[in-house]
mmCIF file of all heavy atoms, coordinates in Angstrom:
data_MODEL
# 
_entry.id   MODEL 
# 
loop_
_atom_site.group_PDB 
_atom_site.id 
_atom_site.type_symbol 
_atom_site.label_atom_id 
_atom_site.label_alt_id 
_atom_site.label_comp_id 
_atom_site.label_asym_id 
_atom_site.label_entity_id 
_atom_site.label_seq_id 
_atom_site.pdbx_PDB_ins_code 
_atom_site.Cartn_x 
_atom_site.Cartn_y 
_atom_site.Cartn_z 
_atom_site.occupancy 
_atom_site.B_iso_or_equiv 
_atom_site.pdbx_formal_charge 
_atom_site.auth_seq_id 
_atom_site.auth_comp_id 
_atom_site.auth_asym_id 
_atom_site.auth_atom_id 
_atom_site.pdbx_PDB_model_num 
ATOM 1   N N   . ILE A 1 1  ? 3.293  -27.261 21.935 1.00 0.00 ? 1  ILE A N   1 
ATOM 2   C CA  . ILE A 1 1  ? 4.616  -27.625 21.422 1.00 0.00 ? 1  ILE A CA  1 
ATOM 3   C C   . ILE A 1 1  ? 5.630  -27.647 22.558 1.00 0.00 ? 1  ILE A C   1 
ATOM 4   O O   . ILE A 1 1  ? 6.511  -28.520 22.601 1.00 0.00 ? 1  ILE A O   1 
ATOM 5   C CB  . ILE A 1 1  ? 5.059  -26.646 20.311 1.00 0.00 ? 1  ILE A CB  1 
ATOM 6   C CG1 . ILE A 1 1  ? 4.132  -26.779 19.100 1.00 0.00 ? 1  ILE A CG1 1 
ATOM 7   C CG2 . ILE A 1 1  ? 6.501  -26.929 19.892 1.00 0.00 ? 1  ILE A CG2 1 
ATOM 8   C CD1 . ILE A 1 1  ? 4.493  -25.902 17.933 1.00 0.00 ? 1  ILE A CD1 1 
ATOM 9   N N   . GLU A 1 2  ? 5.504  -26.720 23.504 1.00 0.00 ? 2  GLU A N   1 
ATOM 10  C CA  . GLU A 1 2  ? 6.393  -26.709 24.664 1.00 0.00 ? 2  GLU A CA  1 
ATOM 11  C C   . GLU A 1 2  ? 6.237  -28.004 25.460 1.00 0.00 ? 2  GLU A C   1 
ATOM 12  O O   . GLU A 1 2  ? 7.234  -28.615 25.879 1.00 0.00 ? 2  GLU A O   1 
ATOM 13  C CB  . GLU A 1 2  ? 6.074  -25.504 25.542 1.00 0.00 ? 2  GLU A CB  1 
ATOM 14  C CG  . GLU A 1 2  ? 6.973  -25.388 26.767 1.00 0.00 ? 2  GLU A CG  1 
ATOM 15  C CD  . GLU A 1 2  ? 6.588  -24.222 27.659 1.00 0.00 ? 2  GLU A CD  1 
ATOM 16  O OE1 . GLU A 1 2  ? 5.450  -23.720 27.536 1.00 0.00 ? 2  GLU A OE1 1 
ATOM 17  O OE2 . GLU A 1 2  ? 7.432  -23.823 28.487 1.00 0.00 ? 2  GLU A OE2 1 
ATOM 18  N N   . ASP A 1 3  ? 4.999  -28.448 25.652 1.00 0.00 ? 3  ASP A N   1 
ATOM 19  C CA  . ASP A 1 3  ? 4.733  -29.689 26.380 1.00 0.00 ? 3  ASP A CA  1 
ATOM 20  C C   . ASP A 1 3  ? 5.329  -30.887 25.639 1.00 0.00 ? 3  ASP A C   1 
ATOM 21  O O   . ASP A 1 3  ? 5.939  -31.774 26.248 1.00 0.00 ? 3  ASP A O   1 
ATOM 22  C CB  . ASP A 1 3  ? 3.223  -29.868 26.547 1.00 0.00 ? 3  ASP A CB  1 
ATOM 23  C CG  . ASP A 1 3  ? 2.868  -31.112 27.348 1.00 0.00 ? 3  ASP A CG  1 
ATOM 24  O OD1 . ASP A 1 3  ? 2.973  -31.066 28.589 1.00 0.00 ? 3  ASP A OD1 1 
ATOM 25  O OD2 . ASP A 1 3  ? 2.507  -32.132 26.715 1.00 0.00 ? 3  ASP A OD2 1 
ATOM 26  N N   . PHE A 1 4  ? 5.163  -30.897 24.322 1.00 0.00 ? 4  PHE A N   1 
ATOM 27  C CA  . PHE A 1 4  ? 5.707  -31.976 23.499 1.00 0.00 ? 4  PHE A CA  1 
ATOM 28  C C   . PHE A 1 4  ? 7.228  -32.045 23.622 1.00 0.00 ? 4  PHE A C   1 
ATOM 29  O O   . PHE A 1 4  ? 7.814  -33.123 23.807 1.00 0.00 ? 4  PHE A O   1 
ATOM 30  C CB  . PHE A 1 4  ? 5.298  -31.752 22.039 1.00 0.00 ? 4  PHE A CB  1 
ATOM 31  C CG  . PHE A 1 4  ? 6.072  -32.561 21.038 1.00 0.00 ? 4  PHE A CG  1 
ATOM 32  C CD1 . PHE A 1 4  ? 5.839  -33.919 20.894 1.00 0.00 ? 4  PHE A CD1 1 
ATOM 33  C CD2 . PHE A 1 4  ? 7.052  -31.967 20.247 1.00 0.00 ? 4  PHE A CD2 1 
ATOM 34  C CE1 . PHE A 1 4  ? 6.561  -34.674 19.968 1.00 0.00 ? 4  PHE A CE1 1 
ATOM 35  C CE2 . PHE A 1 4  ? 7.767  -32.710 19.314 1.00 0.00 ? 4  PHE A CE2 1 
ATOM 36  C CZ  . PHE A 1 4  ? 7.528  -34.064 19.186 1.00 0.00 ? 4  PHE A CZ  1 
ATOM 37  N N   . ILE A 1 5  ? 7.880  -30.893 23.537 1.00 0.00 ? 5  ILE A N   1 
ATOM 38  C CA  . ILE A 1 5  ? 9.342  -30.856 23.610 1.00 0.00 ? 5  ILE A CA  1 
ATOM 39  C C   . ILE A 1 5  ? 9.827  -31.293 24.995 1.00 0.00 ? 5  ILE A C   1 
ATOM 40  O O   . ILE A 1 5  ? 10.798 -32.058 25.117 1.00 0.00 ? 5  ILE A O   1 
ATOM 41  C CB  . ILE A 1 5  ? 9.873  -29.452 23.256 1.00 0.00 ? 5  ILE A CB  1 
ATOM 42  C CG1 . ILE A 1 5  ? 9.617  -29.154 21.773 1.00 0.00 ? 5  ILE A CG1 1 
ATOM 43  C CG2 . ILE A 1 5  ? 11.368 -29.330 23.562 1.00 0.00 ? 5  ILE A CG2 1 
ATOM 44  C CD1 . ILE A 1 5  ? 9.923  -27.732 21.350 1.00 0.00 ? 5  ILE A CD1 1 
ATOM 45  N N   . ASN A 1 6  ? 9.162  -30.840 26.028 1.00 0.00 ? 6  ASN A N   1 
ATOM 46  C CA  . ASN A 1 6  ? 9.560  -31.224 27.392 1.00 0.00 ? 6  ASN A CA  1 
ATOM 47  C C   . ASN A 1 6  ? 9.429  -32.724 27.623 1.00 0.00 ? 6  ASN A C   1 
ATOM 48  O O   . ASN A 1 6  ? 10.228 -33.324 28.349 1.00 0.00 ? 6  ASN A O   1 
ATOM 49  C CB  . ASN A 1 6  ? 8.715  -30.474 28.421 1.00 0.00 ? 6  ASN A CB  1 
ATOM 50  C CG  . ASN A 1 6  ? 9.127  -29.022 28.568 1.00 0.00 ? 6  ASN A CG  1 
ATOM 51  O OD1 . ASN A 1 6  ? 10.289 -28.673 28.357 1.00 0.00 ? 6  ASN A OD1 1 
ATOM 52  N ND2 . ASN A 1 6  ? 8.183  -28.160 28.922 1.00 0.00 ? 6  ASN A ND2 1 
ATOM 53  N N   . ASN A 1 7  ? 8.417  -33.341 26.999 1.00 0.00 ? 7  ASN A N   1 
ATOM 54  C CA  . ASN A 1 7  ? 8.180  -34.774 27.198 1.00 0.00 ? 7  ASN A CA  1 
ATOM 55  C C   . ASN A 1 7  ? 9.030  -35.652 26.288 1.00 0.00 ? 7  ASN A C   1 
ATOM 56  O O   . ASN A 1 7  ? 9.540  -36.684 26.717 1.00 0.00 ? 7  ASN A O   1 
ATOM 57  C CB  . ASN A 1 7  ? 6.701  -35.096 26.965 1.00 0.00 ? 7  ASN A CB  1 
ATOM 58  C CG  . ASN A 1 7  ? 5.825  -34.630 28.110 1.00 0.00 ? 7  ASN A CG  1 
ATOM 59  O OD1 . ASN A 1 7  ? 6.189  -34.768 29.270 1.00 0.00 ? 7  ASN A OD1 1 
ATOM 60  N ND2 . ASN A 1 7  ? 4.673  -34.052 27.798 1.00 0.00 ? 7  ASN A ND2 1 
ATOM 61  N N   . LEU A 1 8  ? 9.178  -35.252 25.015 1.00 0.00 ? 8  LEU A N   1 
ATOM 62  C CA  . LEU A 1 8  ? 9.858  -36.107 24.037 1.00 0.00 ? 8  LEU A CA  1 
ATOM 63  C C   . LEU A 1 8  ? 11.306 -35.733 23.795 1.00 0.00 ? 8  LEU A C   1 
ATOM 64  O O   . LEU A 1 8  ? 12.090 -36.557 23.323 1.00 0.00 ? 8  LEU A O   1 
ATOM 65  C CB  . LEU A 1 8  ? 9.093  -36.077 22.713 1.00 0.00 ? 8  LEU A CB  1 
ATOM 66  C CG  . LEU A 1 8  ? 7.939  -37.072 22.576 1.00 0.00 ? 8  LEU A CG  1 
ATOM 67  C CD1 . LEU A 1 8  ? 8.443  -38.508 22.679 1.00 0.00 ? 8  LEU A CD1 1 
ATOM 68  C CD2 . LEU A 1 8  ? 6.822  -36.814 23.547 1.00 0.00 ? 8  LEU A CD2 1 
ATOM 69  N N   . LYS A 1 9  ? 11.665 -34.480 24.027 1.00 0.00 ? 9  LYS A N   1 
ATOM 70  C CA  . LYS A 1 9  ? 13.017 -33.977 23.824 1.00 0.00 ? 9  LYS A CA  1 
ATOM 71  C C   . LYS A 1 9  ? 13.588 -34.298 22.429 1.00 0.00 ? 9  LYS A C   1 
ATOM 72  O O   . LYS A 1 9  ? 14.611 -34.973 22.304 1.00 0.00 ? 9  LYS A O   1 
ATOM 73  C CB  . LYS A 1 9  ? 13.958 -34.515 24.909 1.00 0.00 ? 9  LYS A CB  1 
ATOM 74  C CG  . LYS A 1 9  ? 13.631 -34.000 26.299 1.00 0.00 ? 9  LYS A CG  1 
ATOM 75  C CD  . LYS A 1 9  ? 14.723 -34.328 27.281 1.00 0.00 ? 9  LYS A CD  1 
ATOM 76  C CE  . LYS A 1 9  ? 14.411 -33.790 28.669 1.00 0.00 ? 9  LYS A CE  1 
ATOM 77  N NZ  . LYS A 1 9  ? 14.292 -32.335 28.697 1.00 0.00 ? 9  LYS A NZ  1 
ATOM 78  N N   . PRO A 1 10 ? 12.937 -33.821 21.365 1.00 0.00 ? 10 PRO A N   1 
ATOM 79  C CA  . PRO A 1 10 ? 13.494 -34.024 20.024 1.00 0.00 ? 10 PRO A CA  1 
ATOM 80  C C   . PRO A 1 10 ? 14.739 -33.158 19.820 1.00 0.00 ? 10 PRO A C   1 
ATOM 81  O O   . PRO A 1 10 ? 14.808 -32.026 20.309 1.00 0.00 ? 10 PRO A O   1 
ATOM 82  C CB  . PRO A 1 10 ? 12.352 -33.573 19.105 1.00 0.00 ? 10 PRO A CB  1 
ATOM 83  C CG  . PRO A 1 10 ? 11.611 -32.551 19.917 1.00 0.00 ? 10 PRO A CG  1 
ATOM 84  C CD  . PRO A 1 10 ? 11.694 -33.024 21.340 1.00 0.00 ? 10 PRO A CD  1 
ATOM 85  N N   . ALA A 1 11 ? 15.712 -33.685 19.111 1.00 0.00 ? 11 ALA A N   1 
ATOM 86  C CA  . ALA A 1 11 ? 16.937 -32.918 18.857 1.00 0.00 ? 11 ALA A CA  1 
ATOM 87  C C   . ALA A 1 11 ? 16.675 -31.777 17.880 1.00 0.00 ? 11 ALA A C   1 
ATOM 88  O O   . ALA A 1 11 ? 17.316 -30.726 17.947 1.00 0.00 ? 11 ALA A O   1 
ATOM 89  C CB  . ALA A 1 11 ? 18.022 -33.841 18.296 1.00 0.00 ? 11 ALA A CB  1 
ATOM 90  N N   . VAL A 1 12 ? 15.718 -31.999 16.963 1.00 0.00 ? 12 VAL A N   1 
ATOM 91  C CA  . VAL A 1 12 ? 15.429 -31.020 15.906 1.00 0.00 ? 12 VAL A CA  1 
ATOM 92  C C   . VAL A 1 12 ? 13.920 -30.873 15.766 1.00 0.00 ? 12 VAL A C   1 
ATOM 93  O O   . VAL A 1 12 ? 13.183 -31.855 15.865 1.00 0.00 ? 12 VAL A O   1 
ATOM 94  C CB  . VAL A 1 12 ? 16.031 -31.474 14.550 1.00 0.00 ? 12 VAL A CB  1 
ATOM 95  C CG1 . VAL A 1 12 ? 15.649 -30.511 13.435 1.00 0.00 ? 12 VAL A CG1 1 
ATOM 96  C CG2 . VAL A 1 12 ? 17.539 -31.607 14.642 1.00 0.00 ? 12 VAL A CG2 1 
ATOM 97  N N   . LEU A 1 13 ? 13.460 -29.648 15.517 1.00 0.00 ? 13 LEU A N   1 
ATOM 98  C CA  . LEU A 1 13 ? 12.058 -29.397 15.188 1.00 0.00 ? 13 LEU A CA  1 
ATOM 99  C C   . LEU A 1 13 ? 12.016 -28.574 13.911 1.00 0.00 ? 13 LEU A C   1 
ATOM 100 O O   . LEU A 1 13 ? 12.545 -27.461 13.856 1.00 0.00 ? 13 LEU A O   1 
ATOM 101 C CB  . LEU A 1 13 ? 11.341 -28.646 16.317 1.00 0.00 ? 13 LEU A CB  1 
ATOM 102 C CG  . LEU A 1 13 ? 9.887  -28.234 16.026 1.00 0.00 ? 13 LEU A CG  1 
ATOM 103 C CD1 . LEU A 1 13 ? 9.014  -29.460 15.789 1.00 0.00 ? 13 LEU A CD1 1 
ATOM 104 C CD2 . LEU A 1 13 ? 9.321  -27.402 17.176 1.00 0.00 ? 13 LEU A CD2 1 
ATOM 105 N N   . LEU A 1 14 ? 11.387 -29.144 12.868 1.00 0.00 ? 14 LEU A N   1 
ATOM 106 C CA  . LEU A 1 14 ? 11.249 -28.458 11.586 1.00 0.00 ? 14 LEU A CA  1 
ATOM 107 C C   . LEU A 1 14 ? 9.832  -27.913 11.459 1.00 0.00 ? 14 LEU A C   1 
ATOM 108 O O   . LEU A 1 14 ? 8.862  -28.612 11.744 1.00 0.00 ? 14 LEU A O   1 
ATOM 109 C CB  . LEU A 1 14 ? 11.547 -29.414 10.430 1.00 0.00 ? 14 LEU A CB  1 
ATOM 110 C CG  . LEU A 1 14 ? 12.918 -30.101 10.443 1.00 0.00 ? 14 LEU A CG  1 
ATOM 111 C CD1 . LEU A 1 14 ? 13.061 -31.020 9.221  1.00 0.00 ? 14 LEU A CD1 1 
ATOM 112 C CD2 . LEU A 1 14 ? 14.043 -29.077 10.468 1.00 0.00 ? 14 LEU A CD2 1 
ATOM 113 N N   . VAL A 1 15 ? 9.726  -26.671 11.009 1.00 0.00 ? 15 VAL A N   1 
ATOM 114 C CA  . VAL A 1 15 ? 8.435  -25.995 10.899 1.00 0.00 ? 15 VAL A CA  1 
ATOM 115 C C   . VAL A 1 15 ? 8.312  -25.379 9.513  1.00 0.00 ? 15 VAL A C   1 
ATOM 116 O O   . VAL A 1 15 ? 9.265  -24.767 9.019  1.00 0.00 ? 15 VAL A O   1 
ATOM 117 C CB  . VAL A 1 15 ? 8.292  -24.893 11.971 1.00 0.00 ? 15 VAL A CB  1 
ATOM 118 C CG1 . VAL A 1 15 ? 6.926  -24.223 11.885 1.00 0.00 ? 15 VAL A CG1 1 
ATOM 119 C CG2 . VAL A 1 15 ? 8.524  -25.463 13.371 1.00 0.00 ? 15 VAL A CG2 1 
ATOM 120 N N   . GLY A 1 16 ? 7.168  -25.551 8.886  1.00 0.00 ? 16 GLY A N   1 
ATOM 121 C CA  . GLY A 1 16 ? 6.935  -24.930 7.589  1.00 0.00 ? 16 GLY A CA  1 
ATOM 122 C C   . GLY A 1 16 ? 6.855  -23.413 7.720  1.00 0.00 ? 16 GLY A C   1 
ATOM 123 O O   . GLY A 1 16 ? 6.278  -22.896 8.681  1.00 0.00 ? 16 GLY A O   1 
ATOM 124 N N   . ALA A 1 17 ? 7.430  -22.695 6.767  1.00 0.00 ? 17 ALA A N   1 
ATOM 125 C CA  . ALA A 1 17 ? 7.430  -21.226 6.817  1.00 0.00 ? 17 ALA A CA  1 
ATOM 126 C C   . ALA A 1 17 ? 6.114  -20.676 6.275  1.00 0.00 ? 17 ALA A C   1 
ATOM 127 O O   . ALA A 1 17 ? 6.070  -19.883 5.341  1.00 0.00 ? 17 ALA A O   1 
ATOM 128 C CB  . ALA A 1 17 ? 8.611  -20.667 6.036  1.00 0.00 ? 17 ALA A CB  1 
ATOM 129 N N   . THR A 1 18 ? 5.019  -21.118 6.888  1.00 0.00 ? 18 THR A N   1 
ATOM 130 C CA  . THR A 1 18 ? 3.694  -20.608 6.559  1.00 0.00 ? 18 THR A CA  1 
ATOM 131 C C   . THR A 1 18 ? 3.372  -19.464 7.523  1.00 0.00 ? 18 THR A C   1 
ATOM 132 O O   . THR A 1 18 ? 4.176  -19.137 8.397  1.00 0.00 ? 18 THR A O   1 
ATOM 133 C CB  . THR A 1 18 ? 2.638  -21.708 6.713  1.00 0.00 ? 18 THR A CB  1 
ATOM 134 O OG1 . THR A 1 18 ? 2.635  -22.147 8.087  1.00 0.00 ? 18 THR A OG1 1 
ATOM 135 C CG2 . THR A 1 18 ? 2.955  -22.911 5.826  1.00 0.00 ? 18 THR A CG2 1 
ATOM 136 N N   . THR A 1 19 ? 2.194  -18.883 7.386  1.00 0.00 ? 19 THR A N   1 
ATOM 137 C CA  . THR A 1 19 ? 1.795  -17.813 8.305  1.00 0.00 ? 19 THR A CA  1 
ATOM 138 C C   . THR A 1 19 ? 1.780  -18.315 9.743  1.00 0.00 ? 19 THR A C   1 
ATOM 139 O O   . THR A 1 19 ? 2.266  -17.643 10.656 1.00 0.00 ? 19 THR A O   1 
ATOM 140 C CB  . THR A 1 19 ? 0.403  -17.268 7.922  1.00 0.00 ? 19 THR A CB  1 
ATOM 141 O OG1 . THR A 1 19 ? 0.425  -16.853 6.559  1.00 0.00 ? 19 THR A OG1 1 
ATOM 142 C CG2 . THR A 1 19 ? 0.025  -16.093 8.793  1.00 0.00 ? 19 THR A CG2 1 
ATOM 143 N N   . VAL A 1 20 ? 1.234  -19.510 9.937  1.00 0.00 ? 20 VAL A N   1 
ATOM 144 C CA  . VAL A 1 20 ? 1.184  -20.100 11.287 1.00 0.00 ? 20 VAL A CA  1 
ATOM 145 C C   . VAL A 1 20 ? 2.585  -20.465 11.767 1.00 0.00 ? 20 VAL A C   1 
ATOM 146 O O   . VAL A 1 20 ? 2.981  -20.152 12.892 1.00 0.00 ? 20 VAL A O   1 
ATOM 147 C CB  . VAL A 1 20 ? 0.276  -21.342 11.308 1.00 0.00 ? 20 VAL A CB  1 
ATOM 148 C CG1 . VAL A 1 20 ? 0.410  -22.103 12.619 1.00 0.00 ? 20 VAL A CG1 1 
ATOM 149 C CG2 . VAL A 1 20 ? -1.182 -20.941 11.092 1.00 0.00 ? 20 VAL A CG2 1 
ATOM 150 N N   . GLY A 1 21 ? 3.346  -21.123 10.913 1.00 0.00 ? 21 GLY A N   1 
ATOM 151 C CA  . GLY A 1 21 ? 4.694  -21.555 11.289 1.00 0.00 ? 21 GLY A CA  1 
ATOM 152 C C   . GLY A 1 21 ? 5.605  -20.406 11.673 1.00 0.00 ? 21 GLY A C   1 
ATOM 153 O O   . GLY A 1 21 ? 6.389  -20.500 12.619 1.00 0.00 ? 21 GLY A O   1 
ATOM 154 N N   . ARG A 1 22 ? 5.482  -19.304 10.950 1.00 0.00 ? 22 ARG A N   1 
ATOM 155 C CA  . ARG A 1 22 ? 6.328  -18.139 11.239 1.00 0.00 ? 22 ARG A CA  1 
ATOM 156 C C   . ARG A 1 22 ? 5.919  -17.441 12.531 1.00 0.00 ? 22 ARG A C   1 
ATOM 157 O O   . ARG A 1 22 ? 6.693  -16.667 13.094 1.00 0.00 ? 22 ARG A O   1 
ATOM 158 C CB  . ARG A 1 22 ? 6.273  -17.160 10.063 1.00 0.00 ? 22 ARG A CB  1 
ATOM 159 C CG  . ARG A 1 22 ? 7.114  -17.623 8.880  1.00 0.00 ? 22 ARG A CG  1 
ATOM 160 C CD  . ARG A 1 22 ? 6.962  -16.719 7.693  1.00 0.00 ? 22 ARG A CD  1 
ATOM 161 N NE  . ARG A 1 22 ? 7.968  -17.042 6.682  1.00 0.00 ? 22 ARG A NE  1 
ATOM 162 C CZ  . ARG A 1 22 ? 7.835  -16.782 5.400  1.00 0.00 ? 22 ARG A CZ  1 
ATOM 163 N NH1 . ARG A 1 22 ? 6.736  -16.182 4.958  1.00 0.00 ? 22 ARG A NH1 1 
ATOM 164 N NH2 . ARG A 1 22 ? 8.798  -17.078 4.541  1.00 0.00 ? 22 ARG A NH2 1 
ATOM 165 N N   . SER A 1 23 ? 4.710  -17.693 12.998 1.00 0.00 ? 23 SER A N   1 
ATOM 166 C CA  . SER A 1 23 ? 4.280  -17.161 14.300 1.00 0.00 ? 23 SER A CA  1 
ATOM 167 C C   . SER A 1 23 ? 4.732  -18.073 15.435 1.00 0.00 ? 23 SER A C   1 
ATOM 168 O O   . SER A 1 23 ? 5.182  -17.606 16.493 1.00 0.00 ? 23 SER A O   1 
ATOM 169 C CB  . SER A 1 23 ? 2.754  -17.023 14.341 1.00 0.00 ? 23 SER A CB  1 
ATOM 170 O OG  . SER A 1 23 ? 2.289  -16.124 13.368 1.00 0.00 ? 23 SER A OG  1 
ATOM 171 N N   . LEU A 1 24 ? 4.624  -19.372 15.204 1.00 0.00 ? 24 LEU A N   1 
ATOM 172 C CA  . LEU A 1 24 ? 4.921  -20.347 16.252 1.00 0.00 ? 24 LEU A CA  1 
ATOM 173 C C   . LEU A 1 24 ? 6.417  -20.493 16.542 1.00 0.00 ? 24 LEU A C   1 
ATOM 174 O O   . LEU A 1 24 ? 6.836  -20.481 17.704 1.00 0.00 ? 24 LEU A O   1 
ATOM 175 C CB  . LEU A 1 24 ? 4.374  -21.715 15.849 1.00 0.00 ? 24 LEU A CB  1 
ATOM 176 C CG  . LEU A 1 24 ? 2.956  -22.083 16.255 1.00 0.00 ? 24 LEU A CG  1 
ATOM 177 C CD1 . LEU A 1 24 ? 2.588  -23.430 15.656 1.00 0.00 ? 24 LEU A CD1 1 
ATOM 178 C CD2 . LEU A 1 24 ? 2.819  -22.134 17.766 1.00 0.00 ? 24 LEU A CD2 1 
ATOM 179 N N   . ALA A 1 25 ? 7.203  -20.671 15.504 1.00 0.00 ? 25 ALA A N   1 
ATOM 180 C CA  . ALA A 1 25 ? 8.617  -21.021 15.675 1.00 0.00 ? 25 ALA A CA  1 
ATOM 181 C C   . ALA A 1 25 ? 9.389  -20.042 16.563 1.00 0.00 ? 25 ALA A C   1 
ATOM 182 O O   . ALA A 1 25 ? 10.128 -20.472 17.464 1.00 0.00 ? 25 ALA A O   1 
ATOM 183 C CB  . ALA A 1 25 ? 9.280  -21.178 14.308 1.00 0.00 ? 25 ALA A CB  1 
ATOM 184 N N   . PRO A 1 26 ? 9.262  -18.719 16.365 1.00 0.00 ? 26 PRO A N   1 
ATOM 185 C CA  . PRO A 1 26 ? 10.022 -17.796 17.228 1.00 0.00 ? 26 PRO A CA  1 
ATOM 186 C C   . PRO A 1 26 ? 9.625  -17.888 18.696 1.00 0.00 ? 26 PRO A C   1 
ATOM 187 O O   . PRO A 1 26 ? 10.473 -17.775 19.581 1.00 0.00 ? 26 PRO A O   1 
ATOM 188 C CB  . PRO A 1 26 ? 9.673  -16.413 16.654 1.00 0.00 ? 26 PRO A CB  1 
ATOM 189 C CG  . PRO A 1 26 ? 9.172  -16.658 15.273 1.00 0.00 ? 26 PRO A CG  1 
ATOM 190 C CD  . PRO A 1 26 ? 8.508  -17.998 15.330 1.00 0.00 ? 26 PRO A CD  1 
ATOM 191 N N   . ARG A 1 27 ? 8.338  -18.109 18.969 1.00 0.00 ? 27 ARG A N   1 
ATOM 192 C CA  . ARG A 1 27 ? 7.887  -18.206 20.358 1.00 0.00 ? 27 ARG A CA  1 
ATOM 193 C C   . ARG A 1 27 ? 8.437  -19.465 21.025 1.00 0.00 ? 27 ARG A C   1 
ATOM 194 O O   . ARG A 1 27 ? 8.823  -19.440 22.191 1.00 0.00 ? 27 ARG A O   1 
ATOM 195 C CB  . ARG A 1 27 ? 6.357  -18.201 20.419 1.00 0.00 ? 27 ARG A CB  1 
ATOM 196 C CG  . ARG A 1 27 ? 5.764  -16.814 20.169 1.00 0.00 ? 27 ARG A CG  1 
ATOM 197 C CD  . ARG A 1 27 ? 4.256  -16.863 20.136 1.00 0.00 ? 27 ARG A CD  1 
ATOM 198 N NE  . ARG A 1 27 ? 3.701  -15.528 19.991 1.00 0.00 ? 27 ARG A NE  1 
ATOM 199 C CZ  . ARG A 1 27 ? 3.196  -14.790 20.976 1.00 0.00 ? 27 ARG A CZ  1 
ATOM 200 N NH1 . ARG A 1 27 ? 3.176  -15.278 22.191 1.00 0.00 ? 27 ARG A NH1 1 
ATOM 201 N NH2 . ARG A 1 27 ? 2.714  -13.588 20.750 1.00 0.00 ? 27 ARG A NH2 1 
ATOM 202 N N   . VAL A 1 28 ? 8.442  -20.555 20.283 1.00 0.00 ? 28 VAL A N   1 
ATOM 203 C CA  . VAL A 1 28 ? 8.986  -21.800 20.833 1.00 0.00 ? 28 VAL A CA  1 
ATOM 204 C C   . VAL A 1 28 ? 10.479 -21.639 21.096 1.00 0.00 ? 28 VAL A C   1 
ATOM 205 O O   . VAL A 1 28 ? 10.987 -22.036 22.154 1.00 0.00 ? 28 VAL A O   1 
ATOM 206 C CB  . VAL A 1 28 ? 8.730  -22.973 19.866 1.00 0.00 ? 28 VAL A CB  1 
ATOM 207 C CG1 . VAL A 1 28 ? 9.427  -24.238 20.357 1.00 0.00 ? 28 VAL A CG1 1 
ATOM 208 C CG2 . VAL A 1 28 ? 7.234  -23.225 19.715 1.00 0.00 ? 28 VAL A CG2 1 
# 
């Protein structure tokens, strides 16, 4: 996700509040 953001530079990233999403979003 870090690589994606660095390359595409999206203004917003939406993440589902699932078990995986709640782990990923804070780290990003």
